[in-house]
N, C-alpha and C. Protein backbone atom coordinates (compact mmCIF):
# COMPACT_ATOMS: atom_id res chain seq x y z
N LEU A 1 72.10 64.70 -31.53
CA LEU A 1 73.18 64.51 -30.59
C LEU A 1 72.69 64.70 -29.15
N LEU A 2 71.79 65.66 -28.99
CA LEU A 2 71.24 65.92 -27.66
C LEU A 2 70.43 64.72 -27.15
N LYS A 3 69.67 64.10 -28.04
CA LYS A 3 68.89 62.92 -27.66
C LYS A 3 69.81 61.77 -27.26
N TYR A 4 70.88 61.58 -28.01
CA TYR A 4 71.83 60.52 -27.67
C TYR A 4 72.47 60.77 -26.30
N SER A 5 72.89 62.00 -26.07
CA SER A 5 73.54 62.30 -24.79
C SER A 5 72.58 62.15 -23.63
N SER A 6 71.30 62.49 -23.83
CA SER A 6 70.33 62.32 -22.73
C SER A 6 70.00 60.85 -22.52
N PHE A 7 69.91 60.08 -23.61
CA PHE A 7 69.59 58.65 -23.49
C PHE A 7 70.72 57.89 -22.80
N PHE A 8 71.96 58.23 -23.14
CA PHE A 8 73.09 57.52 -22.57
C PHE A 8 73.62 58.17 -21.29
N GLY A 9 72.95 59.23 -20.83
CA GLY A 9 73.30 59.84 -19.55
C GLY A 9 74.61 60.59 -19.55
N SER A 10 75.02 61.09 -20.69
CA SER A 10 76.28 61.82 -20.79
C SER A 10 76.06 63.27 -20.39
N LEU A 11 76.22 63.53 -19.10
CA LEU A 11 75.87 64.82 -18.52
C LEU A 11 76.71 65.97 -19.10
N LYS A 12 78.00 65.78 -19.26
CA LYS A 12 78.87 66.86 -19.76
C LYS A 12 78.47 67.28 -21.18
N ILE A 13 78.26 66.30 -22.04
CA ILE A 13 77.85 66.62 -23.43
C ILE A 13 76.48 67.27 -23.42
N PHE A 14 75.57 66.72 -22.63
CA PHE A 14 74.22 67.28 -22.56
C PHE A 14 74.26 68.74 -22.10
N LYS A 15 75.01 69.02 -21.03
CA LYS A 15 75.08 70.39 -20.52
C LYS A 15 75.70 71.34 -21.55
N PHE A 16 76.72 70.87 -22.24
CA PHE A 16 77.35 71.71 -23.28
C PHE A 16 76.31 72.07 -24.34
N LEU A 17 75.59 71.08 -24.83
CA LEU A 17 74.59 71.33 -25.87
C LEU A 17 73.43 72.19 -25.34
N TYR A 18 73.04 71.93 -24.12
CA TYR A 18 71.94 72.69 -23.51
C TYR A 18 72.34 74.16 -23.34
N LEU A 19 73.53 74.40 -22.82
CA LEU A 19 73.99 75.77 -22.60
C LEU A 19 74.19 76.53 -23.92
N ASN A 20 74.42 75.81 -24.98
CA ASN A 20 74.57 76.43 -26.30
C ASN A 20 73.26 76.44 -27.08
N LYS A 21 72.17 76.30 -26.36
CA LYS A 21 70.81 76.48 -26.90
C LYS A 21 70.42 75.44 -27.96
N TYR A 22 70.82 74.20 -27.77
CA TYR A 22 70.42 73.16 -28.70
C TYR A 22 69.17 72.42 -28.24
N LEU A 23 68.65 72.76 -27.09
CA LEU A 23 67.45 72.08 -26.58
C LEU A 23 66.21 72.81 -27.10
N SER A 24 65.55 72.21 -28.06
CA SER A 24 64.33 72.81 -28.60
C SER A 24 63.24 71.77 -28.80
N ASP A 25 63.56 70.53 -28.54
CA ASP A 25 62.64 69.42 -28.80
C ASP A 25 62.19 68.81 -27.48
N CYS A 26 60.90 68.72 -27.27
CA CYS A 26 60.37 68.17 -26.02
C CYS A 26 60.64 66.67 -25.89
N ASP A 27 60.89 66.01 -27.01
CA ASP A 27 61.17 64.57 -26.96
C ASP A 27 62.46 64.25 -26.22
N VAL A 28 63.33 65.23 -26.08
CA VAL A 28 64.58 65.02 -25.35
C VAL A 28 64.28 64.57 -23.92
N PHE A 29 63.20 65.09 -23.36
CA PHE A 29 62.77 64.69 -22.01
C PHE A 29 62.51 63.19 -21.95
N LEU A 30 61.88 62.66 -22.97
CA LEU A 30 61.57 61.23 -23.01
C LEU A 30 62.85 60.39 -23.10
N TYR A 31 63.81 60.85 -23.89
CA TYR A 31 65.10 60.16 -23.97
C TYR A 31 65.82 60.22 -22.63
N ALA A 32 65.70 61.35 -21.94
CA ALA A 32 66.33 61.49 -20.63
C ALA A 32 65.71 60.53 -19.63
N VAL A 33 64.40 60.36 -19.67
CA VAL A 33 63.73 59.40 -18.78
C VAL A 33 64.23 57.99 -19.06
N ALA A 34 64.33 57.63 -20.32
CA ALA A 34 64.84 56.30 -20.68
C ALA A 34 66.27 56.12 -20.20
N GLY A 35 67.07 57.19 -20.28
CA GLY A 35 68.46 57.12 -19.84
C GLY A 35 68.63 57.07 -18.34
N GLY A 36 67.71 57.72 -17.62
CA GLY A 36 67.70 57.62 -16.17
C GLY A 36 68.62 58.55 -15.41
N ASN A 37 69.28 59.49 -16.07
CA ASN A 37 70.15 60.43 -15.36
C ASN A 37 69.27 61.52 -14.74
N ASN A 38 69.23 61.56 -13.41
CA ASN A 38 68.32 62.48 -12.71
C ASN A 38 68.57 63.94 -13.04
N GLU A 39 69.82 64.32 -13.16
CA GLU A 39 70.12 65.73 -13.43
C GLU A 39 69.64 66.14 -14.82
N ILE A 40 69.85 65.29 -15.79
CA ILE A 40 69.38 65.58 -17.15
C ILE A 40 67.86 65.63 -17.18
N ILE A 41 67.22 64.73 -16.48
CA ILE A 41 65.75 64.71 -16.42
C ILE A 41 65.23 66.01 -15.82
N ARG A 42 65.85 66.47 -14.75
CA ARG A 42 65.39 67.71 -14.10
C ARG A 42 65.62 68.94 -14.98
N ILE A 43 66.71 68.97 -15.71
CA ILE A 43 66.95 70.08 -16.65
C ILE A 43 65.87 70.09 -17.72
N CYS A 44 65.59 68.93 -18.28
CA CYS A 44 64.56 68.83 -19.33
C CYS A 44 63.18 69.20 -18.79
N GLU A 45 62.89 68.74 -17.57
CA GLU A 45 61.58 69.05 -16.99
C GLU A 45 61.44 70.55 -16.76
N SER A 46 62.47 71.20 -16.25
CA SER A 46 62.40 72.65 -16.04
C SER A 46 62.24 73.38 -17.37
N TYR A 47 62.88 72.86 -18.41
CA TYR A 47 62.71 73.43 -19.75
C TYR A 47 61.25 73.31 -20.20
N LEU A 48 60.66 72.15 -20.00
CA LEU A 48 59.27 71.93 -20.40
C LEU A 48 58.33 72.88 -19.67
N LYS A 49 58.55 73.04 -18.38
CA LYS A 49 57.67 73.91 -17.59
C LYS A 49 57.89 75.38 -17.91
N ALA A 50 59.12 75.77 -18.18
CA ALA A 50 59.43 77.18 -18.47
C ALA A 50 58.85 77.62 -19.81
N PHE A 51 58.82 76.71 -20.77
CA PHE A 51 58.36 77.08 -22.11
C PHE A 51 56.96 76.56 -22.43
N LYS A 52 56.23 76.23 -21.41
CA LYS A 52 54.83 75.79 -21.59
C LYS A 52 54.69 74.80 -22.73
N ASN A 53 55.19 73.63 -22.47
CA ASN A 53 55.21 72.56 -23.46
C ASN A 53 53.85 72.39 -24.13
N ASN A 54 53.85 72.22 -25.47
CA ASN A 54 52.61 72.05 -26.23
C ASN A 54 52.04 70.65 -26.12
N ASP A 55 52.88 69.68 -25.87
CA ASP A 55 52.44 68.28 -25.80
C ASP A 55 51.89 67.99 -24.41
N GLU A 56 50.57 67.95 -24.30
CA GLU A 56 49.92 67.74 -23.00
C GLU A 56 50.23 66.37 -22.40
N ASN A 57 50.52 65.42 -23.25
CA ASN A 57 50.71 64.05 -22.78
C ASN A 57 52.18 63.68 -22.56
N ILE A 58 53.07 64.65 -22.56
CA ILE A 58 54.50 64.35 -22.44
C ILE A 58 54.80 63.63 -21.12
N PHE A 59 54.13 64.01 -20.04
CA PHE A 59 54.40 63.38 -18.75
C PHE A 59 53.81 61.97 -18.70
N LEU A 60 52.68 61.77 -19.35
CA LEU A 60 52.11 60.43 -19.47
C LEU A 60 53.03 59.54 -20.29
N LYS A 61 53.56 60.06 -21.39
CA LYS A 61 54.52 59.31 -22.21
C LYS A 61 55.77 58.98 -21.38
N ALA A 62 56.20 59.94 -20.57
CA ALA A 62 57.40 59.73 -19.73
C ALA A 62 57.15 58.63 -18.71
N LEU A 63 55.95 58.58 -18.14
CA LEU A 63 55.63 57.50 -17.20
C LEU A 63 55.72 56.15 -17.90
N LYS A 64 55.20 56.07 -19.10
CA LYS A 64 55.23 54.81 -19.84
C LYS A 64 56.67 54.39 -20.17
N ILE A 65 57.48 55.35 -20.57
CA ILE A 65 58.88 55.04 -20.89
C ILE A 65 59.63 54.61 -19.63
N SER A 66 59.33 55.23 -18.51
CA SER A 66 60.00 54.83 -17.27
C SER A 66 59.67 53.39 -16.89
N ILE A 67 58.48 52.94 -17.23
CA ILE A 67 58.11 51.54 -16.98
C ILE A 67 58.89 50.62 -17.93
N ILE A 68 58.91 50.97 -19.19
CA ILE A 68 59.58 50.13 -20.19
C ILE A 68 61.06 49.96 -19.86
N TYR A 69 61.71 51.03 -19.43
CA TYR A 69 63.15 50.99 -19.14
C TYR A 69 63.45 50.73 -17.66
N HIS A 70 62.42 50.39 -16.91
CA HIS A 70 62.56 50.06 -15.48
C HIS A 70 63.24 51.19 -14.70
N ARG A 71 62.84 52.40 -14.96
CA ARG A 71 63.31 53.58 -14.22
C ARG A 71 62.26 53.89 -13.15
N ASN A 72 62.20 53.03 -12.15
CA ASN A 72 61.11 53.08 -11.18
C ASN A 72 61.15 54.31 -10.28
N GLN A 73 62.32 54.75 -9.89
CA GLN A 73 62.40 55.98 -9.08
C GLN A 73 61.98 57.18 -9.91
N VAL A 74 62.34 57.18 -11.18
CA VAL A 74 61.91 58.26 -12.08
C VAL A 74 60.39 58.24 -12.23
N PHE A 75 59.81 57.05 -12.35
CA PHE A 75 58.36 56.91 -12.45
C PHE A 75 57.69 57.57 -11.24
N GLU A 76 58.11 57.22 -10.05
CA GLU A 76 57.49 57.78 -8.84
C GLU A 76 57.70 59.29 -8.78
N TRP A 77 58.87 59.76 -9.15
CA TRP A 77 59.17 61.19 -9.11
C TRP A 77 58.26 61.95 -10.09
N ILE A 78 58.12 61.43 -11.32
CA ILE A 78 57.26 62.09 -12.32
C ILE A 78 55.81 62.09 -11.84
N LEU A 79 55.36 60.96 -11.33
CA LEU A 79 53.98 60.85 -10.87
C LEU A 79 53.71 61.82 -9.72
N ASN A 80 54.62 61.90 -8.78
CA ASN A 80 54.42 62.78 -7.62
C ASN A 80 54.53 64.26 -7.96
N ASN A 81 55.39 64.61 -8.90
CA ASN A 81 55.64 66.02 -9.20
C ASN A 81 54.84 66.58 -10.36
N ASN A 82 54.13 65.75 -11.07
CA ASN A 82 53.45 66.24 -12.28
C ASN A 82 52.00 65.77 -12.38
N GLN A 83 51.37 65.49 -11.27
CA GLN A 83 49.99 65.00 -11.34
C GLN A 83 49.05 66.01 -12.01
N GLN A 84 49.32 67.30 -11.83
CA GLN A 84 48.47 68.31 -12.46
C GLN A 84 48.65 68.32 -13.97
N ASN A 85 49.78 67.83 -14.45
CA ASN A 85 50.04 67.79 -15.90
C ASN A 85 49.54 66.51 -16.55
N ILE A 86 49.17 65.54 -15.75
CA ILE A 86 48.67 64.27 -16.28
C ILE A 86 47.16 64.32 -16.18
N GLU A 87 46.53 64.66 -17.28
CA GLU A 87 45.10 64.92 -17.26
C GLU A 87 44.26 63.66 -17.44
N GLU A 88 44.80 62.67 -18.11
CA GLU A 88 44.07 61.42 -18.32
C GLU A 88 44.01 60.63 -17.03
N LYS A 89 42.83 60.30 -16.58
CA LYS A 89 42.69 59.51 -15.37
C LYS A 89 42.64 58.02 -15.68
N SER A 90 42.36 57.68 -16.93
CA SER A 90 42.31 56.27 -17.32
C SER A 90 43.70 55.71 -17.58
N PHE A 91 44.73 56.54 -17.43
CA PHE A 91 46.08 56.10 -17.73
C PHE A 91 46.57 55.02 -16.77
N ILE A 92 45.98 54.91 -15.59
CA ILE A 92 46.44 53.94 -14.59
C ILE A 92 46.32 52.52 -15.14
N GLU A 93 45.22 52.22 -15.80
CA GLU A 93 45.06 50.87 -16.36
C GLU A 93 46.11 50.61 -17.45
N ASP A 94 46.39 51.61 -18.27
CA ASP A 94 47.42 51.46 -19.30
C ASP A 94 48.78 51.20 -18.65
N ILE A 95 49.04 51.92 -17.59
CA ILE A 95 50.32 51.77 -16.89
C ILE A 95 50.42 50.39 -16.26
N LEU A 96 49.33 49.91 -15.68
CA LEU A 96 49.34 48.57 -15.10
C LEU A 96 49.61 47.52 -16.18
N LYS A 97 48.95 47.64 -17.31
CA LYS A 97 49.16 46.69 -18.40
C LYS A 97 50.60 46.74 -18.90
N LEU A 98 51.16 47.94 -19.00
CA LEU A 98 52.56 48.07 -19.42
C LEU A 98 53.50 47.43 -18.41
N SER A 99 53.21 47.63 -17.13
CA SER A 99 54.08 47.05 -16.10
C SER A 99 54.08 45.53 -16.18
N ILE A 100 52.96 44.95 -16.58
CA ILE A 100 52.89 43.50 -16.76
C ILE A 100 53.62 43.10 -18.04
N LYS A 101 53.35 43.82 -19.12
CA LYS A 101 53.96 43.49 -20.41
C LYS A 101 55.49 43.53 -20.35
N TYR A 102 56.03 44.53 -19.64
CA TYR A 102 57.48 44.69 -19.57
C TYR A 102 58.06 44.14 -18.26
N THR A 103 57.30 43.30 -17.59
CA THR A 103 57.68 42.63 -16.34
C THR A 103 58.30 43.60 -15.33
N ASN A 104 57.67 44.74 -15.18
CA ASN A 104 58.12 45.72 -14.20
C ASN A 104 57.19 45.60 -12.99
N PHE A 105 57.45 44.59 -12.18
CA PHE A 105 56.55 44.30 -11.08
C PHE A 105 56.70 45.25 -9.91
N GLU A 106 57.80 45.98 -9.86
CA GLU A 106 57.93 47.00 -8.81
C GLU A 106 56.87 48.08 -9.01
N ILE A 107 56.64 48.49 -10.24
CA ILE A 107 55.59 49.48 -10.53
C ILE A 107 54.21 48.84 -10.32
N PHE A 108 54.07 47.60 -10.72
CA PHE A 108 52.81 46.87 -10.52
C PHE A 108 52.41 46.91 -9.04
N TYR A 109 53.33 46.54 -8.17
CA TYR A 109 53.04 46.53 -6.73
C TYR A 109 52.90 47.95 -6.18
N PHE A 110 53.66 48.89 -6.73
CA PHE A 110 53.54 50.28 -6.29
C PHE A 110 52.12 50.79 -6.53
N LEU A 111 51.56 50.52 -7.71
CA LEU A 111 50.21 50.98 -8.03
C LEU A 111 49.17 50.38 -7.09
N ILE A 112 49.36 49.12 -6.75
CA ILE A 112 48.40 48.45 -5.86
C ILE A 112 48.57 48.91 -4.42
N ASN A 113 49.81 48.91 -3.93
CA ASN A 113 50.06 49.23 -2.53
C ASN A 113 49.83 50.70 -2.20
N SER A 114 50.00 51.59 -3.17
CA SER A 114 49.83 53.02 -2.90
C SER A 114 48.36 53.43 -2.92
N GLY A 115 47.49 52.53 -3.37
CA GLY A 115 46.06 52.86 -3.43
C GLY A 115 45.68 53.62 -4.69
N ILE A 116 46.63 53.82 -5.59
CA ILE A 116 46.33 54.53 -6.85
C ILE A 116 45.35 53.71 -7.68
N LEU A 117 45.44 52.40 -7.58
CA LEU A 117 44.59 51.51 -8.36
C LEU A 117 43.83 50.59 -7.43
N ASN A 118 42.52 50.52 -7.62
CA ASN A 118 41.72 49.53 -6.90
C ASN A 118 41.78 48.25 -7.73
N PHE A 119 42.64 47.36 -7.31
CA PHE A 119 42.94 46.18 -8.11
C PHE A 119 41.73 45.25 -8.24
N ASN A 120 40.94 45.12 -7.20
CA ASN A 120 39.76 44.25 -7.28
C ASN A 120 38.82 44.73 -8.38
N GLN A 121 38.54 46.03 -8.42
CA GLN A 121 37.66 46.57 -9.45
C GLN A 121 38.26 46.40 -10.84
N PHE A 122 39.57 46.64 -10.94
CA PHE A 122 40.25 46.48 -12.22
C PHE A 122 40.12 45.06 -12.73
N LEU A 123 40.36 44.09 -11.87
CA LEU A 123 40.30 42.69 -12.29
C LEU A 123 38.89 42.27 -12.64
N ILE A 124 37.90 42.68 -11.87
CA ILE A 124 36.51 42.35 -12.18
C ILE A 124 36.15 42.88 -13.56
N LYS A 125 36.57 44.10 -13.85
CA LYS A 125 36.26 44.74 -15.12
C LYS A 125 36.96 44.06 -16.30
N ASN A 126 38.17 43.54 -16.10
CA ASN A 126 38.98 43.05 -17.22
C ASN A 126 39.23 41.55 -17.25
N PHE A 127 38.71 40.79 -16.29
CA PHE A 127 39.04 39.37 -16.18
C PHE A 127 38.67 38.59 -17.44
N GLU A 128 37.50 38.85 -17.95
CA GLU A 128 37.05 38.11 -19.13
C GLU A 128 37.99 38.38 -20.32
N LYS A 129 38.43 39.63 -20.48
CA LYS A 129 39.38 39.95 -21.56
C LYS A 129 40.69 39.20 -21.36
N PHE A 130 41.16 39.13 -20.11
CA PHE A 130 42.41 38.42 -19.83
C PHE A 130 42.27 36.94 -20.19
N VAL A 131 41.15 36.35 -19.84
CA VAL A 131 40.94 34.92 -20.10
C VAL A 131 40.91 34.66 -21.61
N PHE A 132 40.12 35.43 -22.35
CA PHE A 132 39.97 35.18 -23.79
C PHE A 132 41.21 35.57 -24.59
N ASN A 133 42.00 36.50 -24.09
CA ASN A 133 43.18 36.94 -24.84
C ASN A 133 44.46 36.21 -24.43
N SER A 134 44.37 35.31 -23.49
CA SER A 134 45.55 34.58 -23.03
C SER A 134 45.94 33.53 -24.07
N LYS A 135 47.19 33.63 -24.52
CA LYS A 135 47.65 32.74 -25.59
C LYS A 135 48.89 31.94 -25.20
N ASN A 136 49.64 32.42 -24.22
CA ASN A 136 50.89 31.74 -23.89
C ASN A 136 51.07 31.64 -22.38
N GLU A 137 52.13 31.01 -21.95
CA GLU A 137 52.34 30.79 -20.53
C GLU A 137 52.50 32.08 -19.75
N PHE A 138 53.07 33.11 -20.37
CA PHE A 138 53.21 34.39 -19.67
C PHE A 138 51.84 34.97 -19.36
N ASP A 139 50.91 34.90 -20.32
CA ASP A 139 49.56 35.41 -20.08
C ASP A 139 48.89 34.64 -18.95
N PHE A 140 49.06 33.32 -18.94
CA PHE A 140 48.45 32.51 -17.89
C PHE A 140 49.10 32.80 -16.54
N TRP A 141 50.39 33.05 -16.57
CA TRP A 141 51.09 33.41 -15.34
C TRP A 141 50.55 34.72 -14.78
N ALA A 142 50.25 35.69 -15.67
CA ALA A 142 49.69 36.97 -15.23
C ALA A 142 48.33 36.74 -14.58
N ILE A 143 47.52 35.86 -15.15
CA ILE A 143 46.22 35.54 -14.53
C ILE A 143 46.45 34.90 -13.16
N HIS A 144 47.43 34.03 -13.06
CA HIS A 144 47.78 33.39 -11.78
C HIS A 144 48.14 34.47 -10.76
N LEU A 145 48.95 35.43 -11.17
CA LEU A 145 49.34 36.52 -10.28
C LEU A 145 48.13 37.33 -9.84
N PHE A 146 47.26 37.65 -10.77
CA PHE A 146 46.05 38.40 -10.43
C PHE A 146 45.21 37.67 -9.40
N LEU A 147 45.01 36.39 -9.63
CA LEU A 147 44.18 35.61 -8.72
C LEU A 147 44.82 35.48 -7.34
N ALA A 148 46.14 35.47 -7.29
CA ALA A 148 46.83 35.38 -6.00
C ALA A 148 46.70 36.67 -5.20
N ILE A 149 46.60 37.79 -5.87
CA ILE A 149 46.57 39.08 -5.19
C ILE A 149 45.16 39.49 -4.77
N VAL A 150 44.20 39.17 -5.60
CA VAL A 150 42.84 39.66 -5.39
C VAL A 150 42.20 39.04 -4.14
N LYS A 151 41.22 39.72 -3.59
CA LYS A 151 40.52 39.23 -2.40
C LYS A 151 39.82 37.91 -2.70
N LYS A 152 39.68 37.08 -1.66
CA LYS A 152 39.12 35.74 -1.81
C LYS A 152 37.71 35.77 -2.40
N GLU A 153 36.88 36.67 -1.94
CA GLU A 153 35.49 36.74 -2.43
C GLU A 153 35.46 37.10 -3.92
N THR A 154 36.30 38.04 -4.30
CA THR A 154 36.38 38.45 -5.70
C THR A 154 36.88 37.30 -6.55
N ARG A 155 37.89 36.60 -6.06
CA ARG A 155 38.47 35.47 -6.80
C ARG A 155 37.40 34.41 -7.06
N GLN A 156 36.64 34.05 -6.05
CA GLN A 156 35.61 33.02 -6.22
C GLN A 156 34.52 33.47 -7.17
N SER A 157 34.18 34.75 -7.09
CA SER A 157 33.18 35.30 -8.00
C SER A 157 33.66 35.20 -9.45
N LEU A 158 34.93 35.51 -9.67
CA LEU A 158 35.48 35.45 -11.03
C LEU A 158 35.56 34.02 -11.55
N LEU A 159 35.93 33.09 -10.69
CA LEU A 159 36.13 31.71 -11.13
C LEU A 159 34.82 30.96 -11.37
N THR A 160 33.74 31.40 -10.75
CA THR A 160 32.46 30.70 -10.92
C THR A 160 31.53 31.42 -11.89
N LYS A 161 31.88 32.64 -12.29
CA LYS A 161 31.05 33.43 -13.19
C LYS A 161 31.09 32.85 -14.60
N ASN A 162 29.93 32.82 -15.26
CA ASN A 162 29.91 32.39 -16.65
C ASN A 162 30.41 33.51 -17.54
N LEU A 163 31.26 33.15 -18.48
CA LEU A 163 31.80 34.11 -19.43
C LEU A 163 30.82 34.29 -20.58
N LYS A 164 31.17 35.14 -21.55
CA LYS A 164 30.25 35.43 -22.65
C LYS A 164 29.93 34.20 -23.50
N ASN A 165 30.76 33.17 -23.43
CA ASN A 165 30.50 31.96 -24.20
C ASN A 165 29.65 30.96 -23.40
N GLY A 166 29.22 31.35 -22.20
CA GLY A 166 28.37 30.49 -21.38
C GLY A 166 29.14 29.53 -20.49
N LEU A 167 30.44 29.51 -20.59
CA LEU A 167 31.26 28.62 -19.78
C LEU A 167 31.92 29.39 -18.64
N SER A 168 32.26 28.66 -17.59
CA SER A 168 33.09 29.26 -16.55
C SER A 168 34.52 29.30 -17.07
N PRO A 169 35.42 30.05 -16.40
CA PRO A 169 36.82 30.03 -16.85
C PRO A 169 37.41 28.62 -16.88
N LEU A 170 37.03 27.77 -15.91
CA LEU A 170 37.51 26.39 -15.92
C LEU A 170 36.99 25.63 -17.14
N GLY A 171 35.72 25.84 -17.44
CA GLY A 171 35.13 25.21 -18.62
C GLY A 171 35.78 25.68 -19.90
N TYR A 172 36.10 26.95 -19.94
CA TYR A 172 36.77 27.51 -21.11
C TYR A 172 38.17 26.90 -21.28
N ALA A 173 38.89 26.73 -20.16
CA ALA A 173 40.22 26.11 -20.22
C ALA A 173 40.11 24.68 -20.75
N CYS A 174 39.06 23.95 -20.33
CA CYS A 174 38.85 22.59 -20.83
C CYS A 174 38.54 22.61 -22.33
N GLU A 175 37.67 23.54 -22.73
CA GLU A 175 37.32 23.63 -24.14
C GLU A 175 38.55 23.94 -25.00
N MET A 176 39.47 24.74 -24.46
CA MET A 176 40.70 25.07 -25.18
C MET A 176 41.69 23.91 -25.13
N ASN A 177 41.38 22.91 -24.30
CA ASN A 177 42.28 21.77 -24.09
C ASN A 177 43.66 22.24 -23.59
N ASN A 178 43.60 23.22 -22.68
CA ASN A 178 44.83 23.79 -22.14
C ASN A 178 44.97 23.37 -20.68
N THR A 179 45.75 22.34 -20.46
CA THR A 179 45.89 21.80 -19.10
C THR A 179 46.64 22.76 -18.18
N TYR A 180 47.58 23.53 -18.72
CA TYR A 180 48.32 24.50 -17.90
C TYR A 180 47.37 25.56 -17.34
N PHE A 181 46.55 26.13 -18.21
CA PHE A 181 45.59 27.14 -17.80
C PHE A 181 44.56 26.54 -16.83
N PHE A 182 44.09 25.33 -17.15
CA PHE A 182 43.14 24.66 -16.28
C PHE A 182 43.73 24.49 -14.88
N GLN A 183 44.98 24.05 -14.78
CA GLN A 183 45.62 23.81 -13.48
C GLN A 183 45.72 25.10 -12.66
N ILE A 184 46.06 26.20 -13.33
CA ILE A 184 46.12 27.49 -12.63
C ILE A 184 44.77 27.84 -12.04
N LEU A 185 43.74 27.74 -12.85
CA LEU A 185 42.39 28.08 -12.37
C LEU A 185 41.91 27.09 -11.31
N PHE A 186 42.19 25.83 -11.52
CA PHE A 186 41.75 24.80 -10.58
C PHE A 186 42.41 24.97 -9.21
N ASP A 187 43.68 25.36 -9.20
CA ASP A 187 44.39 25.55 -7.93
C ASP A 187 43.75 26.66 -7.08
N PHE A 188 43.15 27.65 -7.75
CA PHE A 188 42.52 28.73 -7.01
C PHE A 188 41.04 28.50 -6.72
N ASN A 189 40.44 27.52 -7.36
CA ASN A 189 39.02 27.28 -7.20
C ASN A 189 38.78 26.55 -5.89
N GLU A 190 38.10 27.22 -4.98
CA GLU A 190 37.83 26.61 -3.66
C GLU A 190 36.49 25.89 -3.64
N CYS A 191 35.81 25.85 -4.78
CA CYS A 191 34.54 25.14 -4.87
C CYS A 191 34.75 23.78 -5.50
N LYS A 192 35.90 23.19 -5.30
CA LYS A 192 36.22 21.88 -5.90
C LYS A 192 35.27 20.82 -5.34
N SER A 193 34.90 19.93 -6.22
CA SER A 193 34.05 18.85 -5.74
C SER A 193 34.56 17.51 -6.18
């Protein structure tokens, strides 16, 4: 009942249950994040901190849930107030991928504009995976977005670099016989001849 009240933001029911000592599960915090009620989230967070929560990754899980449910203000609040509790430093890439998967572009731009993520390095590291794992128009659109954001020098380097199959991304698009993907890459290729 407590999870339902936190998920649906029912503050009166939540407070009644909380005051009667029904809060014993750390997962309630995650339901509160999904629900987005700031007061319930703060009560749950104070509970977690007061009782030295055993789940070290609860704040990382909460960040991910805030992306999925588009609770962007909650995301920023958790990130700013709990950085010491978020021990994984590789979580930024996971968060970026989630923001793309769940079309939460406000978080996507927040990560880039705040300097939390060096997007050029991220794209250089993952471009080949994005190209080979792209199966539908959404995936190709994400590549289009990446290429639009990244610096010109990085973009040209990515578009002319040979992939593990020996082809450039344009060559790979031709081999796949995917005109949509080819057009996206071709539009960004400044080495057209």
